[in-house]
Structures are given as structure tokens and as C-alpha cells.
Protein backbone atom coordinates (compact mmCIF):
# COMPACT_ATOMS: atom_id res chain seq x y z
CA MET A 1 39.13 119.07 65.84
CA HIS A 2 42.25 119.84 63.55
CA LEU A 3 43.61 121.97 66.40
CA LEU A 4 43.32 118.95 68.74
CA ASN A 5 45.10 116.75 66.16
CA ILE A 6 48.08 119.12 66.15
CA LEU A 7 48.38 119.83 69.74
CA THR A 8 48.00 116.01 70.96
CA PRO A 9 51.62 115.04 69.61
CA LEU A 10 53.05 118.32 70.77
CA LEU A 11 51.83 117.57 74.32
CA PHE A 12 53.31 114.03 74.18
CA LEU A 13 56.60 115.67 73.29
CA ILE A 14 56.62 118.36 75.91
CA LEU A 15 55.56 116.31 79.09
CA PRO A 16 58.63 113.82 79.01
CA ALA A 17 61.03 116.61 78.85
CA THR A 18 59.43 118.37 81.85
CA ALA A 19 59.38 115.15 83.71
CA GLN A 20 63.19 114.75 83.07
CA PHE A 21 64.01 118.20 84.09
CA GLN A 22 62.06 117.60 87.33
CA PHE A 23 64.06 114.37 87.92
CA PHE A 24 67.32 116.34 87.55
CA GLU A 25 66.15 119.14 89.75
CA HIS A 26 65.14 116.70 92.59
CA MET A 27 68.28 114.86 92.17
CA PHE A 28 70.61 117.73 92.22
CA GLY A 29 68.86 119.79 94.84
CA GLY A 30 67.47 122.68 92.65
CA GLY A 31 70.67 123.42 90.84
CA GLY A 32 72.52 124.38 93.98
CA GLY A 33 75.58 122.31 93.06
CA GLY A 34 75.66 120.13 96.09
CA PRO A 35 77.85 120.47 99.17
CA GLN A 36 81.22 121.67 99.05
CA GLN A 37 84.16 119.79 100.55
CA PRO A 38 86.57 121.61 102.69
CA PRO A 39 90.22 121.48 101.21
CA GLN A 40 92.36 118.48 102.28
CA ASN A 41 95.59 120.03 103.24
CA ALA A 42 96.84 117.46 105.70
CA ALA A 43 100.57 117.64 106.63
CA SER A 44 102.76 115.13 104.86
CA ASP A 45 103.68 112.13 107.34
CA SER A 46 106.64 109.90 106.42
CA SER A 47 105.76 107.44 108.86
CA TRP A 48 102.53 106.49 107.22
CA TYR A 49 104.24 106.14 103.89
CA GLN A 50 106.95 103.88 105.53
CA ALA A 51 104.42 101.82 107.23
CA GLN A 52 102.49 101.21 103.95
CA TYR A 53 105.53 100.00 102.36
CA GLU A 54 106.57 97.75 105.14
CA ASN A 55 103.06 96.09 105.30
CA ALA A 56 102.92 95.76 101.50
CA VAL A 57 102.90 92.07 100.25
CA GLU A 58 104.38 93.00 96.87
CA ASP A 59 107.42 94.82 95.68
CA LYS A 60 108.24 96.19 92.30
CA VAL A 61 111.68 95.55 90.86
CA GLU A 62 113.14 96.88 87.52
CA LEU A 63 114.93 94.31 85.61
CA GLY A 64 117.56 96.63 83.90
CA ASP A 65 116.05 96.51 80.30
CA GLY A 66 113.23 98.87 81.14
CA SER A 67 110.70 96.11 82.31
CA MET A 68 109.48 95.70 85.41
CA ILE A 69 108.24 92.79 87.69
CA CYS A 70 105.97 92.70 90.84
CA ALA A 71 106.98 89.90 93.16
CA SER A 72 105.66 88.92 96.44
CA LYS A 73 107.67 90.13 99.51
CA GLY A 74 106.49 87.49 101.83
CA GLY A 75 105.87 84.25 99.55
CA TRP A 76 105.85 80.62 100.76
CA SER A 77 109.61 80.27 101.48
CA GLN A 78 112.42 82.52 102.37
CA GLY A 79 114.21 84.10 99.22
CA GLU A 80 111.22 83.30 96.88
CA ALA A 81 110.98 86.84 95.49
CA GLY A 82 114.74 86.86 94.84
CA ARG A 83 114.49 83.61 92.84
CA LYS A 84 111.61 85.16 90.83
CA ILE A 85 113.58 88.15 90.11
CA GLU A 86 116.66 86.08 88.83
CA LEU A 87 114.31 83.97 86.59
CA ALA A 88 112.63 86.99 85.04
CA ARG A 89 116.13 88.57 84.47
CA LYS A 90 117.19 85.34 82.71
CA GLY A 91 113.74 85.59 80.71
CA LEU A 92 112.50 82.33 82.08
CA LEU A 93 109.58 83.77 83.76
């Protein structure tokens, strides 16, 4: 009876640990490390970068004192981004 009192708590400590290891083994495929991705060595295409810039709705401008502002390129009216930049340079925005 005394041996049963010692083994019961030990059993309750071991069973959850084995359940956790089975979970990780199931999730990660038995320790195989998972699928390997092929290297992505695509050639650089400047036209893609140019199109990304042209289609962007914001533009970043440095104000001269080291701070930067992000202004809308499109905006609601013509020249709105320029007005925002001038206000920011004057410290009003």
C-alpha cells in the first residue's frame, strides 16, 4: 500500500509530460524539421520597384532638420502635399 502511495503522484507527473512530447512530435512531424524552402534568388527588376513607387499613395520627405514627414501624393486637391510640407517646415503641422 505504501508503494502505491509513492507511485501514484509520480505517475501523475510523468503522464502529462509524455502527452506534451507526443503533441510536439505530432505537430512537427517527428522531429524532421519540416519542409525546406528553395532559395529565392530572383533577378533584380528595377521596373517593379519603379511601378511600386509610382503607385504609392504616400511620399516621404526630409524637412532638413533631420525629421521626416509622410504626405499623401494624391490628396484631395492639386498641390496639397506641397502645402503640408511647407506647413511642417514652418513648424505649424
